Amino acid sequence: MRLIYSLLFILAFLFVIQMSSSHSNSAYSLLSDPFLQFPTESSVKVVWFTEFQGRENKIIYGQNLDKEIIAKTTELSRTREDEQSKVKGDYSETTRRQIWRHEGEITGLKQGEKVPYKVVTLVKKDKIESNVFSLASSPKKETPLKILLTSDHQLKPMVAANLQKVVETIGKVDAIFLAGDLVNIPDRASEWFDDQRGGAFFPCLQGLANYTIENEDKTTVYHGGQLIQSAPLFPTIGNHEVMGKWSETKRLSRQFVDAIPREVAENLYSEKSDSINPNHDNNFKESWIKNNSFNTDTYEEIFSFPQTASNNSHYYAVTFGDIRLVVLQVTNIWRSPSLEKKVTGRYQEAEKDFDNPENWGYGQHIFKPIEKGSEQYQWLKNELKSEAFQQAKYKIVMFHHPVHTLGGNIVPAYTNPIQKINKDTEGNITEIRYEYPKENDYIIRDLMPLLETAKVDLVFYGHSHLWNRFISSNGINFLESSNVGNSYGAHLGNNKRQIPPDYSPLNYVEIGDPNGLKPIIPNLAPLTDENNNPLPYIASNEITVFSILDTEKGTVSSYYFDTRKPNSNVIKFDEFAI
């Protein structure tokens, strides 16, 4: 009998070894773990990526993993690599990288029930599958939730450490609200999936990163946090979700900064339409204008969005437990504040391009209008009157561009640049400059009156790569929590913003919040300056910050971790009620 048991054990062992060997020798693997998108009261979407189409892609789910659905597979249309990519392969030239997205919607779910699931891709004779995770529909009202508030990942040095400490400190979160700037160059595939430096977007949010931070006495590898496999991700368009003029050959970084306003591309099209589109095909026209101005195609192809008449990928609103989350596209292109003559910046055109309008950058132009009367403004106005918004316990608005901040990116004002061209007596251009009247700031002039009337509890944003918060006289909380390793500092004291010397200080504020609020000093454990005075911000390339919304307590808590001291504790340094 013992001999039989021994033989059975050996056979079972050899079978496991064979199966493991077969899987490990496969030439195929998933490009990402699955992640969750936009749950409803009875459904949730599951998404994952591969570098091959697969002959079948499916989601296995149920308490006994006894159910399955076939996923819809689409190929990303603009993902590429170039000589600046940090990824295996020969990309000495800008080259298309084939990546397939798989999405399935699990329906018939009951609120409050967690359901096991995994994804499976069949390719040739191989079966590639993920680990088992859990999914759920949108939570019921009064369900205690912990939401991660984060922004501006962009493969920065502390992202993996930041997200790893979220999991170690909080455990599993229930959702992630991400206020834009997910990667640096949105069409560069490796920044999303497999950048060899170890800190690509999806690996960091799935606990699969491999990012090394070196200190004087220790090297620490951080893996991020296993978050979005079981918690839905709600993204926002920031300036780094937008690509500029399309090119088959130019570096992706060049294409990224080459964005120009739509109306400029439309004017160029009008001048050339008879030659480039003699049949006057409207689809060709729209494609040409997009390819010669800017697009968010890769962002829109990677993520799912609510499918209703009033929602789209640029702005949307969802109910999640006691929260009504309103996401807006409030972002403009980032241009350098430098006044060097060779720079195409926020305040000027480069001197070499004075006579070449096709090379102009047109200042810090806005991608999607938000001013009064715009389509997005009207949509927001209706949303704020909706029953879903009015009845929500917590009313949260998220977008990318700051309303109040000590950071540099709030100047100049959020308005369309006014171009001024100066010429000499012979008609030669001597200067092309851009001005931004502060009284025309669309966020302050048009957006904020709507949010104040609607009694919004929290406005969350990023863009300046620091942590600071404010509160208005009518009780709206403003939080910027985007400090993951590329901070430009806070503009207080002698650290002044770079402003043209002949520009009005009323329009271009060098120090503090240009929109008049005083920053709140953290109320638990603020950092201090060299004189031991508490600082109302964290702007650091060594200390990283994350913030957690707790709906049971009605609080937002912020934590910091000093990556120079890998064995140190995470410190809760601020907490406020909403």
Protein backbone atom coordinates (compact mmCIF):
# COMPACT_ATOMS: atom_id res chain seq x y z
CA MET A 1 0.00 0.00 0.00
CA ARG A 2 2.83 2.38 0.87
CA LEU A 3 4.42 1.61 -2.48
CA ILE A 4 1.20 2.52 -4.29
CA TYR A 5 0.92 5.81 -2.38
CA SER A 6 4.56 6.56 -3.16
CA LEU A 7 4.03 5.88 -6.85
CA LEU A 8 0.92 8.05 -6.90
CA PHE A 9 2.80 10.85 -5.17
CA ILE A 10 5.67 10.64 -7.66
CA LEU A 11 3.27 10.65 -10.62
CA ALA A 12 1.42 13.67 -9.23
CA PHE A 13 4.70 15.45 -8.61
CA LEU A 14 5.92 14.75 -12.15
CA PHE A 15 2.58 16.00 -13.53
CA VAL A 16 2.93 19.30 -11.65
CA ILE A 17 6.52 19.66 -12.83
CA GLN A 18 5.43 18.97 -16.41
CA MET A 19 2.65 21.55 -16.22
CA SER A 20 4.97 24.13 -14.67
CA SER A 21 7.62 23.40 -17.27
CA SER A 22 5.10 23.74 -20.09
CA HIS A 23 3.94 27.12 -18.77
CA SER A 24 7.42 28.49 -18.09
CA ASN A 25 8.71 27.45 -21.52
CA SER A 26 5.87 29.22 -23.31
CA ALA A 27 6.87 32.04 -25.57
CA TYR A 28 3.71 33.90 -24.55
CA SER A 29 2.65 35.83 -21.47
CA LEU A 30 0.08 38.46 -20.55
CA LEU A 31 1.26 42.02 -21.03
CA SER A 32 -0.74 43.11 -17.97
CA ASP A 33 -2.79 41.62 -15.20
CA PRO A 34 -6.52 42.24 -15.56
CA PHE A 35 -7.96 45.41 -14.07
CA LEU A 36 -11.45 46.69 -13.33
CA GLN A 37 -13.33 49.55 -14.93
CA PHE A 38 -16.60 51.38 -14.29
CA PRO A 39 -18.82 49.08 -12.23
CA THR A 40 -22.57 49.57 -12.23
CA GLU A 41 -25.06 48.20 -9.70
CA SER A 42 -24.99 44.83 -11.45
CA SER A 43 -21.86 44.72 -13.63
CA VAL A 44 -18.18 45.53 -13.97
CA LYS A 45 -15.75 45.55 -16.89
CA VAL A 46 -12.54 43.51 -16.89
CA VAL A 47 -9.66 44.57 -19.16
CA TRP A 48 -6.22 43.11 -19.94
CA PHE A 49 -3.57 43.36 -22.67
CA THR A 50 -1.39 41.03 -24.72
CA GLU A 51 1.12 41.38 -27.54
CA PHE A 52 -0.79 38.81 -29.58
CA GLN A 53 -4.40 38.62 -30.63
CA GLY A 54 -5.05 35.16 -29.26
CA ARG A 55 -7.48 32.67 -30.75
CA GLU A 56 -9.76 33.08 -27.74
CA ASN A 57 -9.81 35.49 -24.81
CA LYS A 58 -12.16 34.91 -21.92
CA ILE A 59 -12.95 35.67 -18.30
CA ILE A 60 -13.56 32.79 -15.91
CA TYR A 61 -15.57 33.83 -12.86
CA GLY A 62 -17.98 32.73 -10.16
CA GLN A 63 -17.61 31.41 -6.62
CA ASN A 64 -16.43 28.11 -8.09
CA LEU A 65 -14.92 29.67 -11.23
CA ASP A 66 -17.63 27.84 -13.15
CA LYS A 67 -18.78 30.63 -15.46
CA GLU A 68 -17.11 32.26 -18.43
CA ILE A 69 -17.63 34.97 -21.01
CA ILE A 70 -15.73 35.71 -24.20
CA ALA A 71 -13.95 39.07 -24.25
CA LYS A 72 -14.04 41.58 -27.08
CA THR A 73 -10.56 42.05 -28.56
CA THR A 74 -9.34 45.21 -30.27
CA GLU A 75 -5.90 46.34 -31.37
CA LEU A 76 -4.48 49.63 -30.12
CA SER A 77 -4.00 51.85 -33.14
CA ARG A 78 -1.19 54.23 -32.15
CA THR A 79 1.08 52.46 -29.65
CA ARG A 80 4.69 52.70 -30.80
CA GLU A 81 8.29 52.67 -29.59
CA ASP A 82 11.29 54.74 -30.65
CA GLU A 83 14.99 55.13 -29.93
CA GLN A 84 14.20 56.69 -26.56
CA SER A 85 12.11 53.74 -25.41
CA LYS A 86 13.46 51.64 -22.56
CA VAL A 87 12.35 48.25 -23.82
CA LYS A 88 13.76 45.15 -25.52
CA GLY A 89 13.80 45.19 -29.29
CA ASP A 90 15.24 47.23 -32.13
CA TYR A 91 13.48 50.56 -32.11
CA SER A 92 16.17 52.72 -33.67
CA GLU A 93 13.32 54.10 -35.77
CA THR A 94 9.83 55.01 -34.61
CA THR A 95 7.98 51.73 -34.99
CA ARG A 96 4.43 50.47 -34.49
CA ARG A 97 4.08 48.05 -31.58
CA GLN A 98 1.16 45.67 -31.86
CA ILE A 99 -0.84 45.42 -28.64
CA TRP A 100 -4.28 43.90 -28.17
CA ARG A 101 -6.83 44.92 -25.58
CA HIS A 102 -9.35 42.44 -24.23
CA GLU A 103 -12.50 43.54 -22.43
CA GLY A 104 -15.43 41.63 -21.02
CA GLU A 105 -18.34 42.82 -18.93
CA ILE A 106 -19.46 40.62 -16.06
CA THR A 107 -23.20 41.09 -15.51
CA GLY A 108 -25.80 39.77 -13.08
CA LEU A 109 -23.75 40.75 -10.02
CA LYS A 110 -25.25 41.45 -6.61
CA GLN A 111 -24.12 44.56 -4.76
CA GLY A 112 -21.83 43.78 -1.87
CA GLU A 113 -20.76 40.37 -3.20
CA LYS A 114 -17.14 39.74 -4.17
CA VAL A 115 -16.71 37.25 -6.98
CA PRO A 116 -13.47 35.39 -7.86
CA TYR A 117 -12.23 35.74 -11.44
CA LYS A 118 -9.27 35.21 -13.72
CA VAL A 119 -8.57 35.89 -17.38
CA VAL A 120 -7.43 33.39 -19.97
CA THR A 121 -5.88 33.94 -23.38
CA LEU A 122 -5.46 30.97 -25.72
CA VAL A 123 -2.76 31.33 -28.36
CA LYS A 124 -1.71 28.46 -30.60
CA LYS A 125 -1.42 25.48 -28.25
CA ASP A 126 -0.74 27.58 -25.17
CA LYS A 127 -3.12 28.61 -22.43
CA ILE A 128 -2.04 31.81 -20.69
CA GLU A 129 -3.95 32.76 -17.57
CA SER A 130 -3.77 35.25 -14.73
CA ASN A 131 -3.93 34.58 -11.03
CA VAL A 132 -7.35 34.61 -9.39
CA PHE A 133 -8.55 38.00 -8.17
CA SER A 134 -11.93 39.33 -7.01
CA LEU A 135 -14.41 41.66 -8.66
CA ALA A 136 -17.60 43.35 -7.53
CA SER A 137 -20.33 45.63 -8.80
CA SER A 138 -20.64 49.22 -7.62
CA PRO A 139 -21.09 49.32 -3.82
CA LYS A 140 -24.37 50.13 -2.10
CA LYS A 141 -24.88 53.42 -0.34
CA GLU A 142 -23.51 53.53 3.20
CA THR A 143 -20.85 50.95 2.32
CA PRO A 144 -17.57 51.93 4.07
CA LEU A 145 -15.02 52.66 1.35
CA LYS A 146 -11.38 53.62 1.17
CA ILE A 147 -10.44 55.47 -2.03
CA LEU A 148 -6.87 56.17 -3.13
CA LEU A 149 -6.43 59.74 -4.41
CA THR A 150 -3.37 59.94 -6.64
CA SER A 151 -1.97 61.75 -9.67
CA ASP A 152 0.97 62.43 -11.99
CA HIS A 153 2.61 59.01 -11.98
CA GLN A 154 4.57 59.52 -15.23
CA LEU A 155 7.05 56.73 -14.36
CA LYS A 156 8.51 58.97 -11.64
CA PRO A 157 11.06 57.53 -9.20
CA MET A 158 8.79 57.12 -6.18
CA VAL A 159 5.61 55.72 -7.77
CA ALA A 160 6.36 52.05 -7.03
CA ALA A 161 7.36 52.88 -3.43
CA ASN A 162 4.29 55.07 -3.03
CA LEU A 163 1.82 52.39 -4.15
CA GLN A 164 3.57 49.64 -2.23
CA LYS A 165 3.20 51.70 0.95
CA VAL A 166 -0.49 52.24 0.18
CA VAL A 167 -1.07 48.49 0.36
CA GLU A 168 1.20 47.99 3.37
CA THR A 169 -0.52 50.82 5.26
CA ILE A 170 -4.16 50.69 4.17
CA GLY A 171 -4.54 47.21 2.73
CA LYS A 172 -6.82 46.80 -0.25
CA VAL A 173 -8.56 49.96 -1.39
CA ASP A 174 -12.00 50.05 -2.98
CA ALA A 175 -11.21 52.37 -5.90
CA ILE A 176 -8.53 54.65 -7.31
CA PHE A 177 -9.26 58.22 -8.40
CA LEU A 178 -6.37 59.31 -10.63
CA ALA A 179 -6.22 63.00 -11.55
CA GLY A 180 -4.29 62.74 -14.81
CA ASP A 181 -0.74 62.41 -16.19
CA LEU A 182 -0.62 58.64 -16.04
CA VAL A 183 2.50 58.31 -18.22
CA ASN A 184 4.84 60.73 -20.00
CA ILE A 185 4.32 59.95 -23.69
CA PRO A 186 0.92 58.27 -24.14
CA ASP A 187 1.73 56.61 -27.48
CA ARG A 188 4.90 54.97 -26.09
CA ALA A 189 3.65 51.48 -25.26
CA SER A 190 6.46 50.54 -22.87
CA GLU A 191 5.54 53.40 -20.51
CA TRP A 192 2.21 51.67 -19.93
CA PHE A 193 3.40 48.07 -19.79
CA ASP A 194 7.06 47.11 -19.61
CA ASP A 195 9.55 49.96 -19.35
CA GLN A 196 12.83 48.26 -18.38
CA ARG A 197 13.50 50.73 -15.59
CA GLY A 198 10.82 48.86 -13.71
CA GLY A 199 8.21 51.55 -13.10
CA ALA A 200 5.68 51.35 -15.95
CA PHE A 201 2.09 52.41 -15.26
CA PHE A 202 0.24 49.09 -15.03
CA PRO A 203 2.97 47.14 -13.19
CA CYS A 204 3.09 49.81 -10.47
CA LEU A 205 -0.67 49.63 -9.90
CA GLN A 206 -0.66 45.82 -10.04
CA GLY A 207 2.23 45.03 -7.69
CA LEU A 208 4.40 43.86 -10.58
CA ALA A 209 6.88 46.74 -10.73
CA ASN A 210 10.58 46.31 -10.12
CA TYR A 211 11.90 49.81 -9.42
CA THR A 212 15.15 50.36 -7.55
CA ILE A 213 15.79 53.37 -5.32
CA GLU A 214 19.41 53.77 -4.27
CA ASN A 215 20.41 55.51 -1.05
CA GLU A 216 23.85 56.07 0.41
CA ASP A 217 23.74 52.95 2.54
CA LYS A 218 21.06 50.76 0.93
CA THR A 219 19.41 49.76 -2.31
CA THR A 220 15.69 48.99 -2.15
CA VAL A 221 13.50 47.44 -4.83
CA TYR A 222 9.82 48.42 -4.79
CA HIS A 223 7.06 46.49 -6.52
CA GLY A 224 4.11 48.87 -6.33
CA GLY A 225 0.77 47.64 -5.05
CA GLN A 226 -1.72 45.00 -6.15
CA LEU A 227 -4.59 47.45 -6.47
CA ILE A 228 -6.48 47.65 -9.74
CA GLN A 229 -6.95 43.90 -10.18
CA SER A 230 -9.72 44.17 -7.57
CA ALA A 231 -10.48 47.90 -7.34
CA PRO A 232 -11.82 49.99 -10.25
CA LEU A 233 -9.63 52.74 -11.67
CA PHE A 234 -11.26 56.08 -12.54
CA PRO A 235 -8.87 58.09 -14.75
CA THR A 236 -8.69 61.73 -15.81
CA ILE A 237 -7.17 63.39 -18.87
CA GLY A 238 -4.10 65.43 -18.02
CA ASN A 239 -1.71 67.11 -20.42
CA HIS A 240 0.33 63.89 -20.63
CA GLU A 241 -2.63 61.98 -22.04
CA VAL A 242 -2.52 64.15 -25.17
CA MET A 243 -0.35 63.53 -28.24
CA GLY A 244 0.39 66.25 -30.81
CA LYS A 245 0.86 66.11 -34.58
CA TRP A 246 1.03 62.57 -35.93
CA SER A 247 4.20 61.44 -37.70
CA GLU A 248 5.44 58.08 -39.00
CA THR A 249 9.07 58.97 -38.36
CA LYS A 250 9.56 61.68 -35.72
CA ARG A 251 10.49 60.81 -32.17
CA LEU A 252 7.47 60.29 -29.95
CA SER A 253 8.68 63.01 -27.60
CA ARG A 254 8.68 65.43 -30.53
CA GLN A 255 5.17 64.42 -31.55
CA PHE A 256 4.04 64.87 -27.95
CA VAL A 257 5.10 68.53 -27.75
CA ASP A 258 3.99 69.41 -31.30
CA ALA A 259 0.34 69.90 -30.37
CA ILE A 260 -1.37 73.01 -31.73
CA PRO A 261 -4.94 74.30 -31.31
CA ARG A 262 -7.69 72.65 -33.35
CA GLU A 263 -8.70 75.95 -34.93
CA VAL A 264 -5.18 76.44 -36.29
CA ALA A 265 -5.27 72.99 -37.90
CA GLU A 266 -8.74 73.76 -39.29
CA ASN A 267 -7.40 76.93 -40.91
CA LEU A 268 -4.48 74.99 -42.39
CA TYR A 269 -6.92 72.44 -43.75
CA SER A 270 -9.06 75.14 -45.36
CA GLU A 271 -6.01 76.47 -47.18
CA LYS A 272 -5.10 73.00 -48.56
CA SER A 273 -8.44 71.19 -48.73
CA ASP A 274 -8.77 71.12 -52.51
CA SER A 275 -5.38 69.47 -52.95
CA ILE A 276 -5.33 67.10 -49.94
CA ASN A 277 -9.02 66.15 -50.03
CA PRO A 278 -10.36 66.72 -53.55
CA ASN A 279 -13.38 64.49 -52.88
CA HIS A 280 -14.26 66.51 -49.79
CA ASP A 281 -14.61 63.38 -47.66
CA ASN A 282 -15.70 64.53 -44.21
CA ASN A 283 -14.09 61.55 -42.43
CA PHE A 284 -10.78 62.37 -44.08
CA LYS A 285 -11.17 66.00 -43.04
CA GLU A 286 -11.73 65.13 -39.38
CA SER A 287 -8.82 62.68 -39.39
CA TRP A 288 -6.49 65.22 -41.02
CA ILE A 289 -7.36 67.93 -38.51
CA LYS A 290 -6.82 65.56 -35.58
CA ASN A 291 -3.51 64.28 -36.96
CA ASN A 292 -2.32 67.84 -37.44
CA SER A 293 -3.36 69.17 -34.02
CA PHE A 294 -3.69 66.72 -31.09
CA ASN A 295 -5.42 63.55 -29.99
CA THR A 296 -6.13 61.36 -26.94
CA ASP A 297 -6.60 58.16 -28.94
CA THR A 298 -4.33 55.86 -26.95
CA TYR A 299 -5.82 56.95 -23.63
CA GLU A 300 -9.32 56.40 -25.01
CA GLU A 301 -8.40 52.98 -26.41
CA ILE A 302 -6.77 51.75 -23.20
CA PHE A 303 -9.58 52.62 -20.78
CA SER A 304 -13.31 51.99 -20.62
CA PHE A 305 -15.80 54.76 -19.97
CA PRO A 306 -19.47 55.04 -18.99
CA GLN A 307 -21.67 54.35 -21.99
CA THR A 308 -24.48 56.86 -21.68
CA ALA A 309 -25.67 59.71 -23.85
CA SER A 310 -24.19 62.32 -21.52
CA ASN A 311 -20.87 60.65 -20.74
CA ASN A 312 -17.72 60.21 -22.79
CA SER A 313 -14.01 59.67 -22.32
CA HIS A 314 -13.29 63.39 -21.86
CA TYR A 315 -15.67 64.05 -19.00
CA TYR A 316 -18.06 61.81 -17.12
CA ALA A 317 -19.92 61.29 -13.84
CA VAL A 318 -20.46 58.09 -11.86
CA THR A 319 -21.99 57.07 -8.55
CA PHE A 320 -19.80 54.86 -6.38
CA GLY A 321 -21.31 54.06 -3.00
CA ASP A 322 -21.98 57.36 -1.24
CA ILE A 323 -19.84 59.28 -3.75
CA ARG A 324 -20.89 61.15 -6.86
CA LEU A 325 -17.64 61.58 -8.80
CA VAL A 326 -17.58 64.18 -11.56
CA VAL A 327 -14.53 64.04 -13.82
CA LEU A 328 -13.74 66.96 -16.13
CA GLN A 329 -11.18 67.59 -18.84
CA VAL A 330 -9.53 70.72 -17.50
CA THR A 331 -6.01 70.71 -18.88
CA ASN A 332 -3.80 72.63 -21.27
CA ILE A 333 -0.48 71.92 -22.91
CA TRP A 334 2.58 72.50 -20.74
CA ARG A 335 5.09 74.93 -22.23
CA SER A 336 8.37 76.05 -20.71
CA PRO A 337 8.39 79.37 -18.81
CA SER A 338 11.92 80.00 -20.13
CA LEU A 339 12.55 83.28 -21.96
CA GLU A 340 15.59 82.07 -23.88
CA LYS A 341 15.24 83.10 -27.52
CA LYS A 342 15.48 79.49 -28.76
CA VAL A 343 12.55 78.28 -26.62
CA THR A 344 9.01 77.73 -27.87
CA GLY A 345 7.38 78.51 -24.52
CA ARG A 346 4.28 79.56 -22.68
CA TYR A 347 5.13 83.24 -23.11
CA GLN A 348 6.81 83.33 -26.54
CA GLU A 349 7.69 81.68 -29.84
CA ALA A 350 11.28 80.74 -30.59
CA GLU A 351 13.14 83.44 -32.51
CA LYS A 352 14.14 81.01 -35.30
CA ASP A 353 10.45 80.35 -36.05
CA PHE A 354 9.19 83.93 -36.32
CA ASP A 355 8.71 83.54 -40.07
CA ASN A 356 7.58 79.89 -39.91
CA PRO A 357 4.03 79.76 -38.47
CA GLU A 358 3.88 76.01 -39.08
CA ASN A 359 6.41 75.66 -36.22
CA TRP A 360 4.64 77.90 -33.72
CA GLY A 361 3.45 76.39 -30.45
CA TYR A 362 0.65 78.93 -29.84
CA GLY A 363 1.39 79.27 -26.16
CA GLN A 364 -0.20 77.26 -23.39
CA HIS A 365 -3.38 76.50 -25.30
CA ILE A 366 -6.36 74.65 -23.82
CA PHE A 367 -7.40 71.24 -25.17
CA LYS A 368 -11.10 71.13 -24.22
CA PRO A 369 -13.15 74.29 -23.54
CA ILE A 370 -14.66 74.67 -20.06
CA GLU A 371 -15.68 78.32 -20.23
CA LYS A 372 -19.29 79.39 -19.85
CA GLY A 373 -21.40 78.28 -22.79
CA SER A 374 -19.05 75.49 -23.90
CA GLU A 375 -20.34 71.96 -24.38
CA GLN A 376 -18.48 70.68 -21.33
CA TYR A 377 -19.74 73.59 -19.21
CA GLN A 378 -23.34 72.89 -20.21
CA TRP A 379 -22.91 69.19 -19.49
CA LEU A 380 -21.51 69.99 -16.03
CA LYS A 381 -24.32 72.43 -15.33
CA ASN A 382 -26.87 69.70 -16.03
CA GLU A 383 -24.94 67.11 -14.03
CA LEU A 384 -24.81 69.33 -10.94
CA LYS A 385 -28.62 69.59 -11.09
CA SER A 386 -29.12 65.85 -11.48
CA GLU A 387 -30.78 63.73 -8.82
CA ALA A 388 -27.71 61.48 -8.63
CA PHE A 389 -25.50 64.44 -7.77
CA GLN A 390 -27.95 66.18 -5.47
CA GLN A 391 -28.60 63.07 -3.38
CA ALA A 392 -24.97 61.97 -3.02
CA LYS A 393 -23.48 62.14 0.45
CA TYR A 394 -20.07 63.11 -0.93
CA LYS A 395 -19.82 65.36 -3.98
CA ILE A 396 -16.35 65.17 -5.52
CA VAL A 397 -15.03 66.86 -8.66
CA MET A 398 -11.74 65.73 -10.19
CA PHE A 399 -9.66 67.24 -12.97
CA HIS A 400 -6.00 67.83 -13.70
CA HIS A 401 -5.24 71.55 -13.65
CA PRO A 402 -4.96 73.15 -10.18
CA VAL A 403 -7.44 75.66 -8.80
CA HIS A 404 -5.34 76.68 -5.81
CA THR A 405 -1.69 75.69 -5.42
CA LEU A 406 1.77 76.77 -4.40
CA GLY A 407 3.09 74.98 -7.48
CA GLY A 408 4.41 76.58 -10.62
CA ASN A 409 1.92 75.21 -13.15
CA ILE A 410 -0.96 77.42 -12.03
CA VAL A 411 0.68 80.46 -13.68
CA PRO A 412 -0.26 81.81 -16.16
CA ALA A 413 -4.05 81.91 -15.76
CA TYR A 414 -6.14 79.12 -17.26
CA THR A 415 -7.37 80.99 -20.30
CA ASN A 416 -6.76 81.09 -24.04
CA PRO A 417 -3.47 82.85 -24.77
CA ILE A 418 -3.60 86.21 -26.50
CA GLN A 419 -0.96 86.41 -29.21
CA LYS A 420 0.90 89.69 -29.75
CA ILE A 421 3.30 90.09 -32.66
CA ASN A 422 5.73 93.01 -32.53
CA LYS A 423 7.55 94.23 -35.66
CA ASP A 424 10.24 96.74 -36.46
CA THR A 425 9.87 99.68 -38.84
CA GLU A 426 10.69 97.44 -41.81
CA GLY A 427 7.97 94.95 -40.93
CA ASN A 428 10.26 92.26 -39.57
CA ILE A 429 8.99 90.31 -36.57
CA THR A 430 10.95 91.09 -33.45
CA GLU A 431 8.80 89.28 -30.90
CA ILE A 432 5.85 86.89 -30.68
CA ARG A 433 4.51 86.80 -27.16
CA TYR A 434 1.50 85.41 -25.33
CA GLU A 435 -0.45 86.98 -22.50
CA TYR A 436 -3.07 85.43 -20.22
CA PRO A 437 -5.35 87.96 -18.47
CA LYS A 438 -6.13 86.67 -15.00
CA GLU A 439 -9.68 88.04 -15.09
CA ASN A 440 -10.35 85.55 -17.90
CA ASP A 441 -9.28 82.49 -15.91
CA TYR A 442 -12.00 80.00 -16.89
CA ILE A 443 -11.60 77.88 -13.76
CA ILE A 444 -12.06 80.81 -11.38
CA ARG A 445 -14.46 82.89 -13.50
CA ASP A 446 -16.74 80.18 -14.89
CA LEU A 447 -16.17 76.78 -13.30
CA MET A 448 -15.89 77.64 -9.60
CA PRO A 449 -19.24 79.53 -9.34
CA LEU A 450 -20.96 76.35 -10.53
CA LEU A 451 -19.12 74.18 -7.99
CA GLU A 452 -19.75 76.64 -5.17
CA THR A 453 -23.48 76.81 -5.90
CA ALA A 454 -23.62 73.00 -6.06
CA LYS A 455 -21.90 72.75 -2.64
CA VAL A 456 -19.14 70.43 -3.80
CA ASP A 457 -17.29 68.80 -0.89
CA LEU A 458 -13.90 68.19 -2.49
CA VAL A 459 -12.07 69.31 -5.62
CA PHE A 460 -9.13 67.01 -6.33
CA TYR A 461 -6.41 67.74 -8.91
CA GLY A 462 -2.68 67.41 -9.65
CA HIS A 463 -0.22 68.84 -12.20
CA SER A 464 2.30 70.62 -9.94
CA HIS A 465 3.89 67.49 -8.40
CA LEU A 466 3.42 68.39 -4.76
CA TRP A 467 1.00 68.06 -1.86
CA ASN A 468 -0.93 71.02 -0.55
CA ARG A 469 -4.50 71.75 0.38
CA PHE A 470 -6.81 74.71 0.78
CA ILE A 471 -10.33 75.46 1.96
CA SER A 472 -12.54 78.25 0.66
CA SER A 473 -14.75 80.53 2.75
CA ASN A 474 -17.82 78.56 1.66
CA GLY A 475 -16.32 75.25 2.78
CA ILE A 476 -15.02 73.64 -0.42
CA ASN A 477 -11.90 71.57 0.19
CA PHE A 478 -9.15 71.64 -2.45
CA LEU A 479 -6.49 68.93 -2.50
CA GLU A 480 -3.46 68.44 -4.70
CA SER A 481 -1.75 65.14 -3.97
CA SER A 482 0.73 64.45 -6.76
CA ASN A 483 4.16 64.04 -5.15
CA VAL A 484 5.82 60.89 -6.49
CA GLY A 485 9.33 62.01 -7.39
CA ASN A 486 9.58 64.91 -9.78
CA SER A 487 8.71 67.97 -7.75
CA TYR A 488 9.40 71.49 -8.98
CA GLY A 489 9.04 72.90 -5.50
CA ALA A 490 6.57 75.21 -3.79
CA HIS A 491 6.62 78.91 -4.51
CA LEU A 492 6.96 80.60 -1.16
CA GLY A 493 9.67 82.84 0.27
CA ASN A 494 12.50 83.31 -2.21
CA ASN A 495 11.38 80.56 -4.57
CA LYS A 496 9.61 82.71 -7.16
CA ARG A 497 7.87 81.53 -10.29
CA GLN A 498 9.61 82.38 -13.56
CA ILE A 499 7.65 85.34 -14.93
CA PRO A 500 8.56 87.71 -17.80
CA PRO A 501 9.91 90.89 -16.16
CA ASP A 502 7.59 93.20 -18.10
CA TYR A 503 4.40 91.22 -17.37
CA SER A 504 1.92 92.61 -14.84
CA PRO A 505 2.38 91.10 -11.34
CA LEU A 506 -1.40 91.24 -10.99
CA ASN A 507 -1.77 88.68 -13.77
CA TYR A 508 1.34 86.63 -13.07
CA VAL A 509 1.82 85.96 -9.36
CA GLU A 510 5.34 84.95 -8.34
CA ILE A 511 4.66 83.63 -4.83
CA GLY A 512 1.79 81.82 -3.09
CA ASP A 513 -1.59 80.86 -4.46
CA PRO A 514 -2.47 83.25 -7.31
CA ASN A 515 -6.15 82.80 -6.56
CA GLY A 516 -6.02 84.16 -3.05
CA LEU A 517 -6.25 81.26 -0.59
CA LYS A 518 -3.75 80.50 2.16
CA PRO A 519 -2.45 76.93 2.22
CA ILE A 520 -3.46 74.81 5.20
CA ILE A 521 -0.63 73.62 7.44
CA PRO A 522 -0.97 69.83 7.95
CA ASN A 523 -2.72 69.28 11.26
CA LEU A 524 -1.01 66.09 12.46
CA ALA A 525 2.68 65.94 11.59
CA PRO A 526 3.83 68.67 9.18
CA LEU A 527 7.32 68.73 7.80
CA THR A 528 9.39 71.69 8.96
CA ASP A 529 11.91 74.06 7.42
CA GLU A 530 15.48 74.73 8.60
CA ASN A 531 14.11 76.96 11.37
CA ASN A 532 11.67 74.29 12.55
CA ASN A 533 8.67 76.17 11.15
CA PRO A 534 5.83 73.90 9.90
CA LEU A 535 5.50 73.74 6.12
CA PRO A 536 2.08 73.92 4.42
CA TYR A 537 3.21 71.58 1.63
CA ILE A 538 5.35 68.60 0.71
CA ALA A 539 7.42 69.10 -2.42
CA SER A 540 10.18 66.52 -2.39
CA ASN A 541 12.04 64.05 -4.57
CA GLU A 542 12.73 61.76 -1.61
CA ILE A 543 9.51 61.93 0.42
CA THR A 544 6.39 60.64 -1.32
CA VAL A 545 2.75 61.25 -0.40
CA PHE A 546 -0.56 59.46 -0.87
CA SER A 547 -4.07 60.39 0.25
CA ILE A 548 -7.02 58.20 1.27
CA LEU A 549 -10.69 59.14 1.28
CA ASP A 550 -12.53 57.18 3.99
CA THR A 551 -16.28 57.37 3.39
CA GLU A 552 -17.17 55.76 6.72
CA LYS A 553 -15.38 58.51 8.67
CA GLY A 554 -15.96 61.23 6.09
CA THR A 555 -12.26 62.11 6.11
CA VAL A 556 -9.34 62.52 3.75
CA SER A 557 -6.05 61.40 5.32
CA SER A 558 -2.62 62.05 3.81
CA TYR A 559 0.48 59.98 4.51
CA TYR A 560 4.15 60.41 3.69
CA PHE A 561 7.02 57.97 3.38
CA ASP A 562 10.71 58.91 3.31
CA THR A 563 12.35 56.73 0.65
CA ARG A 564 15.78 57.68 2.03
CA LYS A 565 14.86 55.62 5.09
CA PRO A 566 13.40 52.40 3.68
CA ASN A 567 12.87 50.90 7.13
CA SER A 568 11.04 53.96 8.46
CA ASN A 569 7.32 54.09 9.17
CA VAL A 570 4.68 55.69 6.98
CA ILE A 571 3.50 58.87 8.74
CA LYS A 572 -0.06 60.17 8.68
CA PHE A 573 0.58 63.91 8.58
CA ASP A 574 -2.81 65.44 7.76
CA GLU A 575 -6.50 64.67 8.03
CA PHE A 576 -9.61 66.71 7.30
CA ALA A 577 -13.34 66.14 7.14
CA ILE A 578 -15.44 66.59 4.02
